[in-house]
N, C-alpha and C. Protein backbone atom coordinates (compact mmCIF):
# COMPACT_ATOMS: atom_id res chain seq x y z
N MET A 1 11.68 95.53 95.82
CA MET A 1 12.55 96.44 95.05
C MET A 1 11.51 97.26 94.50
N SER A 2 12.26 98.37 94.30
CA SER A 2 11.21 99.87 94.03
C SER A 2 11.36 99.54 92.13
N ARG A 3 10.50 100.35 91.24
CA ARG A 3 10.14 99.85 90.17
C ARG A 3 11.70 101.11 89.46
N ASN A 4 11.48 101.75 89.85
CA ASN A 4 12.33 103.04 89.76
C ASN A 4 14.08 102.75 89.85
N SER A 5 14.53 101.52 90.44
CA SER A 5 16.19 101.45 90.86
C SER A 5 16.41 100.91 89.51
N GLN A 6 17.94 101.50 89.23
CA GLN A 6 18.56 101.15 88.38
C GLN A 6 19.39 99.90 87.95
N ARG A 7 19.15 99.54 86.78
CA ARG A 7 19.62 98.00 86.85
C ARG A 7 21.78 98.43 86.68
N PHE A 8 22.17 97.39 87.81
CA PHE A 8 23.51 97.72 87.94
C PHE A 8 24.58 97.26 86.80
N PHE A 9 23.95 95.93 86.43
CA PHE A 9 24.91 95.43 85.23
C PHE A 9 24.03 95.28 83.73
N THR A 10 24.72 96.14 83.03
CA THR A 10 24.12 96.64 81.63
C THR A 10 24.81 95.70 80.50
N GLY A 11 24.18 95.48 79.36
CA GLY A 11 24.60 95.24 78.11
C GLY A 11 25.37 93.98 78.55
N PRO A 12 26.29 93.44 76.83
CA PRO A 12 27.07 92.79 77.14
C PRO A 12 28.00 92.31 78.16
N GLN A 13 28.66 93.07 78.81
CA GLN A 13 29.81 93.07 79.62
C GLN A 13 29.61 93.15 81.19
N THR A 14 28.52 91.72 80.90
CA THR A 14 28.03 91.38 82.54
C THR A 14 29.17 91.85 83.63
N GLY A 15 29.50 92.21 84.53
CA GLY A 15 29.96 91.91 85.75
C GLY A 15 31.25 93.17 85.34
N VAL A 16 30.77 94.27 84.50
CA VAL A 16 31.59 95.23 84.84
C VAL A 16 30.58 96.63 84.68
N PRO A 17 30.45 97.68 85.61
CA PRO A 17 29.54 98.76 85.74
C PRO A 17 29.80 99.48 84.37
N PRO A 18 28.43 100.37 84.04
CA PRO A 18 28.82 100.87 82.53
C PRO A 18 29.53 102.00 82.56
N SER A 19 30.03 102.29 83.82
CA SER A 19 30.71 103.66 83.79
C SER A 19 32.33 103.29 83.99
N TYR A 20 32.76 102.05 83.74
CA TYR A 20 34.35 101.58 84.93
C TYR A 20 35.13 102.12 83.43
N GLU A 21 34.67 102.34 82.54
CA GLU A 21 35.82 102.72 81.29
C GLU A 21 35.88 104.30 81.63
N MET A 22 35.27 105.25 81.86
CA MET A 22 35.28 106.78 82.11
C MET A 22 35.80 106.41 83.48
N LEU A 23 35.38 106.07 84.27
CA LEU A 23 36.56 106.02 85.67
C LEU A 23 38.06 105.90 85.22
N LYS A 24 37.89 105.16 84.74
CA LYS A 24 39.40 104.32 84.36
C LYS A 24 40.70 105.52 83.70
N GLU A 25 39.80 106.02 82.44
CA GLU A 25 40.09 107.20 81.97
C GLU A 25 40.26 108.58 82.23
N GLU A 26 39.64 108.57 83.37
CA GLU A 26 39.50 109.94 84.05
C GLU A 26 40.56 109.43 85.23
N HIS A 27 41.00 108.39 86.03
CA HIS A 27 42.11 108.09 86.77
C HIS A 27 43.44 108.38 85.75
N GLU A 28 43.51 107.65 84.62
CA GLU A 28 44.70 107.63 84.22
C GLU A 28 44.83 109.29 84.00
N VAL A 29 44.10 110.04 83.08
CA VAL A 29 44.39 111.53 82.99
C VAL A 29 44.88 112.03 84.28
N ALA A 30 44.28 112.33 85.44
CA ALA A 30 44.42 112.61 86.68
C ALA A 30 46.38 112.35 87.23
N VAL A 31 46.30 110.72 86.95
CA VAL A 31 47.62 110.17 87.07
C VAL A 31 48.78 110.74 86.32
N LEU A 32 48.81 110.73 85.15
CA LEU A 32 49.49 111.18 84.23
C LEU A 32 49.59 112.88 83.64
N GLY A 33 48.78 113.36 84.05
CA GLY A 33 48.38 114.89 83.66
C GLY A 33 49.53 115.74 84.91
N ALA A 34 49.27 116.80 84.31
CA ALA A 34 50.59 117.90 84.90
C ALA A 34 49.97 118.24 86.35
N PRO A 35 51.15 118.14 87.34
CA PRO A 35 51.02 118.08 88.71
C PRO A 35 49.65 119.42 89.02
N GLN A 36 49.34 119.28 90.04
CA GLN A 36 48.20 119.85 90.37
C GLN A 36 48.28 121.21 91.35
N VAL A 37 49.70 120.58 91.93
CA VAL A 37 50.43 121.65 93.34
C VAL A 37 51.09 122.05 92.39
N SER A 38 51.37 123.72 92.77
CA SER A 38 52.38 124.58 92.12
C SER A 38 53.70 124.72 93.29
N ALA A 39 53.84 123.36 94.09
CA ALA A 39 54.69 123.42 94.88
C ALA A 39 56.22 122.65 93.81
N PRO A 40 57.16 123.47 94.40
CA PRO A 40 58.77 123.25 93.51
C PRO A 40 58.61 121.37 93.85
N VAL A 41 59.22 120.76 92.79
CA VAL A 41 59.33 119.78 92.85
C VAL A 41 61.24 119.30 93.14
N THR A 42 60.94 118.41 94.38
CA THR A 42 62.28 117.88 95.12
C THR A 42 62.97 116.45 94.82
N THR A 43 63.73 116.47 94.66
CA THR A 43 64.31 115.02 94.42
C THR A 43 64.86 114.48 95.60
N THR A 44 65.46 113.02 95.26
CA THR A 44 66.18 112.41 96.51
C THR A 44 66.97 111.67 96.09
N VAL A 45 68.43 111.82 96.66
CA VAL A 45 69.13 111.09 96.07
C VAL A 45 69.91 109.94 97.04
N VAL A 46 69.98 109.00 96.57
CA VAL A 46 70.42 107.84 97.09
C VAL A 46 71.93 107.28 96.82
N ASN A 47 72.87 107.29 97.72
CA ASN A 47 74.11 106.84 97.60
C ASN A 47 74.40 105.28 97.93
N ILE A 48 74.40 104.90 96.99
CA ILE A 48 75.17 103.47 97.40
C ILE A 48 76.19 103.35 97.15
N GLN A 49 76.61 102.91 97.99
CA GLN A 49 77.90 102.81 98.07
C GLN A 49 78.41 101.14 98.00
N PRO A 50 79.11 100.52 96.50
CA PRO A 50 79.94 99.56 95.95
C PRO A 50 80.35 98.71 97.65
N GLU A 51 80.51 97.32 97.05
CA GLU A 51 80.86 96.61 98.15
C GLU A 51 82.14 96.74 98.37
N THR A 52 82.92 97.11 99.66
CA THR A 52 84.00 97.33 99.74
C THR A 52 85.03 96.25 99.75
N ALA A 53 85.90 95.84 98.94
CA ALA A 53 86.09 94.60 99.22
C ALA A 53 87.48 94.82 100.20
N VAL A 54 87.52 93.77 101.26
CA VAL A 54 88.17 93.62 102.27
C VAL A 54 89.22 92.69 102.06
N PRO A 55 90.77 92.24 101.75
CA PRO A 55 91.02 91.22 101.86
C PRO A 55 91.10 90.66 103.03
N ASP A 56 90.77 89.53 103.51
CA ASP A 56 90.56 88.65 104.84
C ASP A 56 92.30 88.39 105.06
N HIS A 57 93.27 87.83 103.80
CA HIS A 57 94.22 87.28 104.48
C HIS A 57 94.42 85.94 104.66
N ILE A 58 93.31 85.15 104.07
CA ILE A 58 93.33 83.77 104.46
C ILE A 58 94.08 82.62 103.86
N VAL A 59 94.34 82.77 102.84
CA VAL A 59 95.49 81.96 101.86
C VAL A 59 96.96 82.11 102.91
N TRP A 60 97.09 83.58 102.67
CA TRP A 60 98.40 83.77 103.20
C TRP A 60 98.34 83.17 104.68
N SER A 61 97.50 83.55 105.31
CA SER A 61 97.46 82.85 107.12
C SER A 61 97.58 81.41 106.91
N LEU A 62 97.06 80.86 106.44
CA LEU A 62 97.12 79.25 106.00
C LEU A 62 98.63 78.46 105.44
N PHE A 63 99.15 79.32 104.43
CA PHE A 63 100.31 79.12 104.16
C PHE A 63 101.71 79.33 105.49
N ASN A 64 101.36 80.26 106.02
CA ASN A 64 102.31 80.40 107.52
C ASN A 64 101.65 79.48 108.43
N THR A 65 100.72 79.49 108.18
CA THR A 65 100.52 78.24 109.48
C THR A 65 100.94 76.91 109.32
N LEU A 66 101.23 76.56 107.76
CA LEU A 66 101.62 75.37 107.53
C LEU A 66 103.33 75.33 107.50
N PHE A 67 103.68 76.06 106.97
CA PHE A 67 104.92 76.29 106.87
C PHE A 67 106.17 77.40 107.76
N PHE A 68 105.47 78.81 108.13
CA PHE A 68 106.43 79.44 109.23
C PHE A 68 105.83 79.79 109.81
N ASN A 69 105.12 78.37 110.99
CA ASN A 69 104.56 78.91 111.98
C ASN A 69 105.40 79.44 113.58
N VAL A 70 106.33 80.13 113.22
CA VAL A 70 107.12 80.59 114.38
C VAL A 70 106.47 80.88 115.60
N CYS A 71 106.44 80.69 116.57
CA CYS A 71 105.92 81.14 117.79
C CYS A 71 104.34 81.14 117.61
N CYS A 72 103.80 80.13 116.41
CA CYS A 72 102.16 80.13 116.71
C CYS A 72 101.83 81.34 116.00
N LEU A 73 102.51 82.26 115.67
CA LEU A 73 102.19 83.36 114.80
C LEU A 73 101.51 83.13 113.29
N GLY A 74 101.50 82.02 112.66
CA GLY A 74 100.78 81.56 111.11
C GLY A 74 99.14 81.43 111.90
N PHE A 75 99.34 80.39 112.93
CA PHE A 75 97.81 80.25 113.61
C PHE A 75 96.97 81.35 113.95
N VAL A 76 98.04 82.21 114.43
CA VAL A 76 96.95 83.50 115.30
C VAL A 76 96.51 84.57 114.40
N ALA A 77 97.24 84.31 113.36
CA ALA A 77 97.17 84.92 112.04
C ALA A 77 95.80 84.30 111.30
N PHE A 78 96.01 83.00 111.17
CA PHE A 78 95.14 82.01 110.33
C PHE A 78 93.25 82.56 111.45
N ALA A 79 93.68 82.54 112.52
CA ALA A 79 92.25 82.72 113.50
C ALA A 79 91.57 84.02 113.43
N TYR A 80 92.56 85.37 113.36
CA TYR A 80 92.21 86.49 112.86
C TYR A 80 91.76 86.94 111.39
N SER A 81 92.12 85.97 110.38
CA SER A 81 91.46 86.05 109.27
C SER A 81 90.29 85.35 109.36
N VAL A 82 89.94 84.60 109.94
CA VAL A 82 88.85 83.85 109.82
C VAL A 82 87.82 84.44 110.91
N LYS A 83 88.29 85.19 111.79
CA LYS A 83 87.32 86.49 112.12
C LYS A 83 87.20 87.55 110.98
N SER A 84 87.95 87.72 110.56
CA SER A 84 87.65 89.07 109.51
C SER A 84 86.74 88.77 108.23
N ARG A 85 86.80 87.50 108.02
CA ARG A 85 85.77 86.95 106.91
C ARG A 85 84.45 86.47 107.83
N ASP A 86 84.47 86.41 108.99
CA ASP A 86 82.93 86.41 109.58
C ASP A 86 82.41 87.95 109.34
N ARG A 87 83.26 89.07 109.99
CA ARG A 87 83.02 89.93 110.20
C ARG A 87 82.46 90.44 109.04
N LYS A 88 83.20 90.09 107.84
CA LYS A 88 82.84 90.73 106.17
C LYS A 88 81.37 90.07 106.01
N MET A 89 81.23 88.48 106.39
CA MET A 89 79.66 88.07 106.11
C MET A 89 78.43 88.75 106.75
N VAL A 90 78.91 88.97 108.22
CA VAL A 90 77.60 89.84 108.58
C VAL A 90 77.78 91.41 108.11
N GLY A 91 78.60 92.05 107.59
CA GLY A 91 78.40 93.39 106.85
C GLY A 91 79.28 94.14 107.92
N ASP A 92 79.60 93.75 108.82
CA ASP A 92 80.87 94.81 109.72
C ASP A 92 81.85 95.20 108.92
N VAL A 93 82.01 96.16 108.09
CA VAL A 93 83.23 96.26 107.03
C VAL A 93 84.39 97.07 108.31
N ILE A 94 84.15 97.57 108.95
CA ILE A 94 85.07 98.53 109.78
C ILE A 94 85.47 97.47 110.83
N GLY A 95 84.87 96.22 111.10
CA GLY A 95 85.38 95.20 112.05
C GLY A 95 86.13 94.41 111.20
N ALA A 96 85.87 94.17 110.05
CA ALA A 96 86.47 93.03 109.08
C ALA A 96 88.03 93.68 108.66
N GLN A 97 88.27 95.11 108.75
CA GLN A 97 89.30 95.49 108.14
C GLN A 97 89.68 95.75 109.43
N SER A 98 89.60 95.88 111.10
CA SER A 98 90.42 95.95 111.78
C SER A 98 91.22 94.32 111.67
N TYR A 99 90.35 93.11 111.77
CA TYR A 99 90.72 92.05 111.74
C TYR A 99 91.64 91.30 111.01
N ALA A 100 91.44 92.21 109.65
CA ALA A 100 92.20 91.83 108.33
C ALA A 100 93.64 92.86 108.42
N SER A 101 93.50 93.49 109.14
CA SER A 101 94.59 94.62 109.33
C SER A 101 95.74 93.71 110.49
N THR A 102 95.13 93.22 111.23
CA THR A 102 95.92 92.43 112.14
C THR A 102 96.21 91.67 111.87
N ALA A 103 95.69 90.50 110.76
CA ALA A 103 96.33 89.30 110.55
C ALA A 103 97.23 89.85 109.42
N LYS A 104 97.16 90.51 108.95
CA LYS A 104 98.36 91.04 108.31
C LYS A 104 100.01 91.31 108.70
N CYS A 105 99.39 91.80 109.79
CA CYS A 105 100.79 92.16 110.24
C CYS A 105 101.17 91.10 111.41
N LEU A 106 100.68 89.96 111.45
CA LEU A 106 101.00 88.65 112.13
C LEU A 106 101.76 87.69 111.04
N ASN A 107 100.97 87.72 109.85
CA ASN A 107 101.59 87.25 108.49
C ASN A 107 103.12 87.49 108.35
N ILE A 108 102.94 89.05 107.99
CA ILE A 108 104.15 89.80 107.95
C ILE A 108 105.30 89.10 109.19
N SER A 109 105.06 89.42 110.35
CA SER A 109 106.38 88.84 111.41
C SER A 109 106.09 87.44 110.95
N ALA A 110 105.66 86.68 110.79
CA ALA A 110 105.48 84.94 110.84
C ALA A 110 106.24 85.02 109.48
N LEU A 111 106.05 85.40 108.66
CA LEU A 111 106.97 85.25 107.10
C LEU A 111 108.28 85.45 107.58
N LEU A 112 108.55 87.10 107.94
CA LEU A 112 109.83 87.26 108.34
C LEU A 112 110.77 86.29 109.50
N LEU A 113 109.90 85.86 110.51
CA LEU A 113 110.71 85.64 111.39
C LEU A 113 111.00 83.81 110.94
N GLY A 114 110.04 83.29 109.68
CA GLY A 114 110.35 81.94 109.52
C GLY A 114 111.64 82.30 108.40
N LEU A 115 111.69 83.16 107.51
CA LEU A 115 112.31 83.27 106.30
C LEU A 115 113.94 83.47 106.86
N LEU A 116 113.98 84.37 108.00
CA LEU A 116 115.15 84.67 108.67
C LEU A 116 115.74 83.31 109.89
N GLY A 117 114.62 82.78 110.38
CA GLY A 117 115.14 81.26 110.68
C GLY A 117 115.83 80.10 109.80
N THR A 118 114.98 80.01 108.35
CA THR A 118 115.44 78.97 107.55
C THR A 118 116.75 79.73 107.43
N ILE A 119 116.95 80.72 106.87
CA ILE A 119 118.12 81.21 105.99
C ILE A 119 119.29 81.19 107.21
N GLY A 120 119.26 81.42 108.27
CA GLY A 120 119.93 81.25 109.93
C GLY A 120 120.47 79.81 110.04
N SER A 121 119.47 78.98 109.92
CA SER A 121 119.74 77.74 109.80
C SER A 121 120.54 77.41 108.72
N ILE A 122 120.40 77.47 107.17
CA ILE A 122 121.19 77.37 106.29
C ILE A 122 122.57 77.90 106.26
N VAL A 123 122.71 78.91 107.01
CA VAL A 123 124.00 79.52 107.31
C VAL A 123 124.82 79.06 108.54
N LEU A 124 123.98 78.51 109.16
CA LEU A 124 124.57 77.89 110.28
C LEU A 124 125.41 76.32 109.98
N LEU A 125 124.19 75.52 109.28
CA LEU A 125 124.88 74.23 108.42
C LEU A 125 126.23 74.80 107.75
N VAL A 126 126.09 75.75 107.02
CA VAL A 126 127.23 75.65 105.61
C VAL A 126 128.38 76.13 106.49
N LEU A 127 128.46 77.57 107.64
CA LEU A 127 129.53 78.03 108.00
C LEU A 127 130.04 77.25 109.49
N VAL A 128 129.28 76.14 110.13
CA VAL A 128 130.06 75.84 111.31
C VAL A 128 129.73 74.32 111.41
N VAL A 129 128.75 73.86 111.02
CA VAL A 129 128.49 72.29 110.96
C VAL A 129 129.49 71.72 109.77
N LEU A 130 129.36 72.15 108.45
CA LEU A 130 129.94 71.56 107.34
C LEU A 130 131.36 71.21 107.71
N PRO A 131 131.97 72.63 108.18
CA PRO A 131 133.43 72.60 108.30
C PRO A 131 133.88 71.75 109.85
N THR A 132 132.88 71.54 110.52
CA THR A 132 133.62 70.72 111.85
C THR A 132 133.71 69.27 111.66
N VAL A 133 132.42 68.64 110.19
CA VAL A 133 132.18 67.51 110.07
C VAL A 133 133.32 67.32 108.79
N SER A 134 133.71 68.19 107.93
CA SER A 134 134.49 67.79 107.19
C SER A 134 136.03 67.75 107.69
N TYR A 135 136.56 68.54 108.68
CA TYR A 135 137.56 68.43 109.56
C TYR A 135 137.87 67.52 110.57
N ALA A 136 136.73 66.95 110.88
CA ALA A 136 136.59 65.51 111.88
C ALA A 136 136.89 63.98 110.66
N ILE A 137 136.18 64.55 109.79
CA ILE A 137 136.53 63.35 108.70
C ILE A 137 138.20 63.17 108.17
N THR A 138 138.73 64.42 108.12
CA THR A 138 140.27 64.51 107.66
C THR A 138 141.11 64.08 108.63
N GLN A 139 140.94 64.19 110.16
CA GLN A 139 141.40 63.67 111.02
C GLN A 139 141.34 62.63 111.11
N ALA A 140 140.10 61.96 111.22
CA ALA A 140 140.09 60.12 111.01
C ALA A 140 141.06 59.49 110.04
N THR A 141 140.67 60.00 108.56
CA THR A 141 141.43 59.77 107.61
C THR A 141 142.99 59.91 108.06
N GLN A 142 143.13 60.66 108.36
CA GLN A 142 144.86 60.95 109.10
C GLN A 142 145.22 59.99 109.65
N ASN A 143 144.54 59.64 111.01
CA ASN A 143 144.79 58.71 111.58
C ASN A 143 144.76 57.88 110.99
N HIS A 144 143.72 56.94 110.23
CA HIS A 144 143.55 55.81 109.97
C HIS A 144 144.68 55.59 109.11
N GLU A 145 145.53 56.29 108.24
CA GLU A 145 146.49 56.36 107.70
C GLU A 145 147.81 55.85 108.23
N GLY A 146 147.85 56.72 109.26
CA GLY A 146 148.90 56.46 110.38
C GLY A 146 149.43 54.86 110.77
N TYR A 147 148.28 53.72 110.73
CA TYR A 147 148.39 52.75 111.47
C TYR A 147 148.89 51.76 110.96
């Protein structure tokens, strides 16, 4: 070593160079100070769209599958509802909306056909079967009284 070499570590702050505080202050002034370039300041706006709520109609499809499964429309609607939920989980909003729209149409069809079938069965029971049964009962009682 030569005699005119400087000591790198001085004073009680062993491990810290003597000019560390001065360099740190200069860096802070440079970062916090006024802009060095006279270029116009540009801003960037990022529009974050909120999560689009896509109804998948899975509960309605399950109801139609269990109670109004006319021509398996309820089951097909349930399958489309599950596909819509899968697309929504992946992040494909357009695909989820497409499957949800199909499931909604199938659910409406299944519900209408199921209600029409139920109401038609009740009307058929009241207007056709019950009068026929009551007529048969009255005929049987009249024949039985004749003996």
